[in-house]
Amino acid sequence: MKVDLERLCRRLNYQFKKIAYLKQALTHCSAGSENYERFEFLGDSILSFVIANELFHRFPMQSEGQLSRLRSFLVRGEMLVELAKEIELGDFLYLGQGELKSGGFRRASILSDAMEAVFAAIFLDGGIGPAKEVILSLYQSRLEDSNLNDCLKDSKTQLQEYLQAEKIALPEYTLTKIEGDEHNQIFYITCTVNGAKHKTFGQGSNRRKAEQLAAKAMLEQLRSR
C-alpha cells in the first residue's frame, strides 16, 4: 500500500528528517511489530505537558482543579479523534487486512492512538519545540474558543445560563420512570424548555446524572437552531 506521507507532513506543517518515525507512528499493530504502541505512550505525555503548560500561562487566574479539568477536556479521546479527522489522518494509516476490511481507518480508538503517536514521532525527530508548535497549531481554534471555560460547568448550569441570556424561562425536569432494584436503579428524566422544538431525555444511575444528560441534549438542540 502506497501512502503519501509528504502530504501529511504538509498538513502538519512539519518536515521530518527521519520519515521512518512518522511511518511507525501510523502503523497499527495489525500491520507489523514496528507499530505505534510505544509512540502512543510517549505522545500521550507530550500532549498532556504541552497543553498543561499552555493552559498554565493562558489562564493565570484559574485554580489547579480548573486547569486539570480544562486539560482533561482538551486531551480526551474524542478531541483527538476530531483533530485526526481534520487532517484526514485515517487516509495515512498502515493497517492489517482485517482492520482494513472492518474500517479501522475510521475507528475512533485507532485515530486517537495514532494522533498521539504522531506527536511522539515529531518529538523524537525534532524535539519538544516542533512538537509544541504542531500541537498548539492543531489546537489553536479550541484554545481560543470563548466557550472553552464552559467545560468547567456542568450541563445543567450551562443550560440555565444559556436560557437566562436568551431571556427564556428556566427548564423543567420531570422524573418519568425508575427501573430496577433499589441497589441497581435507572432513573429516566425529561427536560422541557419553553419554545424548544422537542423535549429531551436522560437516563442514569441516579436522578442527578439523568438530569445532566437531559440538560446536555437540550443545550445541544437549542444551540443548533
Protein backbone atom coordinates (compact mmCIF):
# COMPACT_ATOMS: atom_id res chain seq x y z
CA MET A 1 0.00 0.00 0.00
CA LYS A 2 1.50 3.33 -1.06
CA VAL A 3 0.92 6.20 1.34
CA ASP A 4 1.81 9.81 0.51
CA LEU A 5 3.43 10.84 3.78
CA GLU A 6 4.63 14.13 2.31
CA ARG A 7 1.00 15.20 2.04
CA LEU A 8 0.52 14.53 5.74
CA CYS A 9 3.71 16.44 6.55
CA ARG A 10 2.27 19.47 4.76
CA ARG A 11 -0.93 19.20 6.81
CA LEU A 12 1.09 19.02 10.00
CA ASN A 13 3.36 21.82 8.76
CA TYR A 14 6.36 19.77 9.82
CA GLN A 15 9.04 18.16 7.63
CA PHE A 16 10.57 15.01 9.08
CA LYS A 17 14.30 14.45 8.96
CA LYS A 18 13.67 10.76 9.60
CA ILE A 19 10.39 9.84 7.91
CA ALA A 20 10.56 6.35 9.48
CA TYR A 21 9.37 7.92 12.74
CA LEU A 22 6.19 9.08 11.07
CA LYS A 23 5.63 5.76 9.34
CA GLN A 24 5.90 3.90 12.63
CA ALA A 25 3.50 6.35 14.27
CA LEU A 26 0.94 5.49 11.60
CA THR A 27 1.39 1.72 11.75
CA HIS A 28 -1.26 -0.27 13.62
CA CYS A 29 -0.20 -3.42 15.49
CA SER A 30 -2.15 -5.46 12.91
CA ALA A 31 0.33 -4.31 10.24
CA GLY A 32 3.61 -5.18 11.93
CA SER A 33 5.72 -5.34 15.07
CA GLU A 34 7.18 -1.88 14.42
CA ASN A 35 3.93 -0.13 15.30
CA TYR A 36 2.69 2.94 17.15
CA GLU A 37 2.01 1.43 20.58
CA ARG A 38 5.18 2.72 22.28
CA PHE A 39 4.91 6.03 20.42
CA GLU A 40 1.36 6.41 21.70
CA PHE A 41 2.61 6.05 25.29
CA LEU A 42 5.14 8.84 24.78
CA GLY A 43 2.81 11.05 22.77
CA ASP A 44 0.17 10.99 25.49
CA SER A 45 2.64 12.52 27.96
CA ILE A 46 3.95 15.07 25.46
CA LEU A 47 0.43 16.24 24.61
CA SER A 48 -0.51 16.47 28.28
CA PHE A 49 2.59 18.53 29.07
CA VAL A 50 2.19 20.93 26.13
CA ILE A 51 -1.49 21.55 26.85
CA ALA A 52 -0.88 21.89 30.60
CA ASN A 53 1.90 24.41 30.01
CA GLU A 54 -0.24 26.39 27.58
CA LEU A 55 -3.22 26.48 29.95
CA PHE A 56 -0.98 27.48 32.88
CA HIS A 57 0.19 30.58 31.02
CA ARG A 58 -3.05 31.33 29.17
CA PHE A 59 -5.30 31.24 32.26
CA PRO A 60 -3.31 32.68 35.20
CA MET A 61 -6.43 33.10 37.35
CA GLN A 62 -7.66 29.52 37.11
CA SER A 63 -7.17 27.13 40.04
CA GLU A 64 -5.32 23.82 39.85
CA GLY A 65 -8.62 21.96 39.72
CA GLN A 66 -9.95 24.14 36.92
CA LEU A 67 -6.75 23.76 34.90
CA SER A 68 -6.90 19.99 35.37
CA ARG A 69 -10.47 19.85 34.08
CA LEU A 70 -9.58 22.02 31.08
CA ARG A 71 -6.63 19.78 30.26
CA SER A 72 -8.75 16.64 30.59
CA PHE A 73 -11.33 18.16 28.26
CA LEU A 74 -8.73 19.05 25.63
CA VAL A 75 -6.71 15.81 25.63
CA ARG A 76 -9.62 13.36 25.86
CA GLY A 77 -10.00 10.73 23.17
CA GLU A 78 -12.94 12.42 21.47
CA MET A 79 -10.91 15.58 20.95
CA LEU A 80 -8.02 13.63 19.44
CA VAL A 81 -10.43 11.96 17.04
CA GLU A 82 -11.65 15.41 15.95
CA LEU A 83 -8.07 16.52 15.29
CA ALA A 84 -7.31 13.32 13.39
CA LYS A 85 -10.35 13.77 11.18
CA GLU A 86 -9.47 17.39 10.45
CA ILE A 87 -6.14 16.33 8.95
CA GLU A 88 -7.70 13.14 7.50
CA LEU A 89 -5.21 11.01 9.42
CA GLY A 90 -7.13 7.83 8.60
CA ASP A 91 -6.03 8.12 4.96
CA PHE A 92 -2.40 7.62 6.00
CA LEU A 93 -2.68 4.66 8.38
CA TYR A 94 -0.95 1.36 7.79
CA LEU A 95 -3.42 -1.35 8.75
CA GLY A 96 -3.52 -5.12 8.51
CA GLN A 97 -6.03 -6.70 6.13
CA GLY A 98 -8.50 -7.44 8.92
CA GLU A 99 -8.54 -3.85 10.13
CA LEU A 100 -8.77 -2.54 6.57
CA LYS A 101 -11.82 -4.67 5.85
CA SER A 102 -13.51 -3.68 9.10
CA GLY A 103 -12.98 0.05 8.52
CA GLY A 104 -10.17 0.54 11.02
CA PHE A 105 -9.14 3.81 9.38
CA ARG A 106 -12.38 5.28 10.76
CA ARG A 107 -12.27 3.66 14.22
CA ALA A 108 -12.10 6.27 16.98
CA SER A 109 -9.69 4.31 19.18
CA ILE A 110 -7.21 3.87 16.32
CA LEU A 111 -7.44 7.51 15.24
CA SER A 112 -6.87 8.86 18.75
CA ASP A 113 -3.96 6.49 19.41
CA ALA A 114 -2.31 7.33 16.08
CA MET A 115 -2.72 11.06 16.72
CA GLU A 116 -0.80 10.75 19.99
CA ALA A 117 1.81 8.62 18.23
CA VAL A 118 2.32 11.33 15.60
CA PHE A 119 3.07 13.85 18.36
CA ALA A 120 5.69 11.44 19.70
CA ALA A 121 7.19 10.99 16.23
CA ILE A 122 7.62 14.75 15.84
CA PHE A 123 9.22 14.95 19.31
CA LEU A 124 11.64 12.10 18.53
CA ASP A 125 12.53 13.65 15.18
CA GLY A 126 12.83 17.30 16.14
CA GLY A 127 12.49 17.74 19.89
CA ILE A 128 9.92 19.40 22.11
CA GLY A 129 9.91 22.74 20.21
CA PRO A 130 8.48 21.41 16.94
CA ALA A 131 6.14 19.07 18.82
CA LYS A 132 4.78 22.03 20.77
CA GLU A 133 4.32 24.09 17.60
CA VAL A 134 2.37 21.34 15.82
CA ILE A 135 0.16 20.59 18.83
CA LEU A 136 -0.68 24.24 19.51
CA SER A 137 -1.36 24.85 15.83
CA LEU A 138 -3.85 21.97 15.74
CA TYR A 139 -5.43 23.14 19.00
CA GLN A 140 -5.43 26.87 18.20
CA SER A 141 -9.15 27.30 17.50
CA ARG A 142 -10.06 25.28 20.59
CA LEU A 143 -7.73 27.17 22.90
CA GLU A 144 -9.09 30.48 21.60
CA ASP A 145 -12.74 29.39 21.79
CA SER A 146 -14.62 31.84 24.00
CA ASN A 147 -16.76 28.94 25.25
CA LEU A 148 -13.79 26.85 26.42
CA ASN A 149 -14.47 27.58 30.08
CA ASP A 150 -17.94 26.07 29.69
CA CYS A 151 -16.36 22.67 30.16
CA LEU A 152 -15.76 23.68 33.80
CA LYS A 153 -19.52 23.91 34.31
CA ASP A 154 -21.94 21.03 34.36
CA SER A 155 -24.67 20.77 31.71
CA LYS A 156 -27.49 21.99 33.96
CA THR A 157 -25.52 25.15 34.81
CA GLN A 158 -24.67 25.76 31.15
CA LEU A 159 -28.31 25.33 30.13
CA GLN A 160 -29.51 27.66 32.86
CA GLU A 161 -27.01 30.36 31.86
CA TYR A 162 -27.93 29.98 28.19
CA LEU A 163 -31.66 30.38 28.94
CA GLN A 164 -31.09 33.36 31.19
CA ALA A 165 -29.02 35.06 28.49
CA GLU A 166 -31.82 34.42 25.97
CA LYS A 167 -34.47 35.56 28.49
CA ILE A 168 -36.19 32.17 28.36
CA ALA A 169 -37.87 30.54 31.37
CA LEU A 170 -35.77 28.00 33.22
CA PRO A 171 -36.13 24.32 32.30
CA GLU A 172 -38.38 21.80 33.97
CA TYR A 173 -37.02 18.36 34.83
CA THR A 174 -39.58 15.60 35.25
CA LEU A 175 -38.87 12.15 36.63
CA THR A 176 -40.85 9.87 34.33
CA LYS A 177 -39.76 6.41 35.44
CA ILE A 178 -37.49 4.42 37.74
CA GLU A 179 -36.48 0.92 36.76
CA GLY A 180 -34.58 -1.83 38.54
CA ASP A 181 -33.98 -2.99 42.09
CA GLU A 182 -33.19 -0.47 44.80
CA HIS A 183 -29.42 -1.07 44.60
CA ASN A 184 -29.35 -1.02 40.79
CA GLN A 185 -31.86 1.59 39.64
CA ILE A 186 -32.11 3.52 36.39
CA PHE A 187 -33.73 6.98 36.51
CA TYR A 188 -35.45 8.48 33.47
CA ILE A 189 -35.75 12.28 33.21
CA THR A 190 -37.50 14.55 30.71
CA CYS A 191 -36.29 18.13 30.19
CA THR A 192 -38.76 20.71 28.89
CA VAL A 193 -38.00 24.29 27.82
CA ASN A 194 -40.48 26.88 26.56
CA GLY A 195 -40.00 27.40 22.85
CA ALA A 196 -37.87 24.30 22.35
CA LYS A 197 -38.91 22.12 19.44
CA HIS A 198 -38.60 18.86 21.35
CA LYS A 199 -38.34 17.56 24.87
CA THR A 200 -35.06 15.87 25.68
CA PHE A 201 -34.40 12.79 27.75
CA GLY A 202 -31.72 11.43 30.02
CA GLN A 203 -31.19 8.27 31.99
CA GLY A 204 -28.68 7.42 34.65
CA SER A 205 -27.91 5.54 37.84
CA ASN A 206 -29.21 8.48 39.86
CA ARG A 207 -31.51 11.43 39.26
CA ARG A 208 -28.67 13.96 39.02
CA LYS A 209 -26.88 12.07 36.24
CA ALA A 210 -30.12 11.66 34.30
CA GLU A 211 -30.88 15.38 34.61
CA GLN A 212 -27.38 16.31 33.44
CA LEU A 213 -27.75 14.17 30.30
CA ALA A 214 -31.19 15.61 29.55
CA ALA A 215 -29.83 19.14 30.02
CA LYS A 216 -26.88 18.43 27.72
CA ALA A 217 -29.22 17.18 24.99
CA MET A 218 -31.44 20.25 25.39
CA LEU A 219 -28.48 22.63 25.18
CA GLU A 220 -27.26 20.96 22.00
CA GLN A 221 -30.73 21.23 20.49
CA LEU A 222 -31.07 24.93 21.33
CA ARG A 223 -27.59 25.83 20.09
CA SER A 224 -28.21 24.09 16.77
CA ARG A 225 -31.33 26.15 15.98
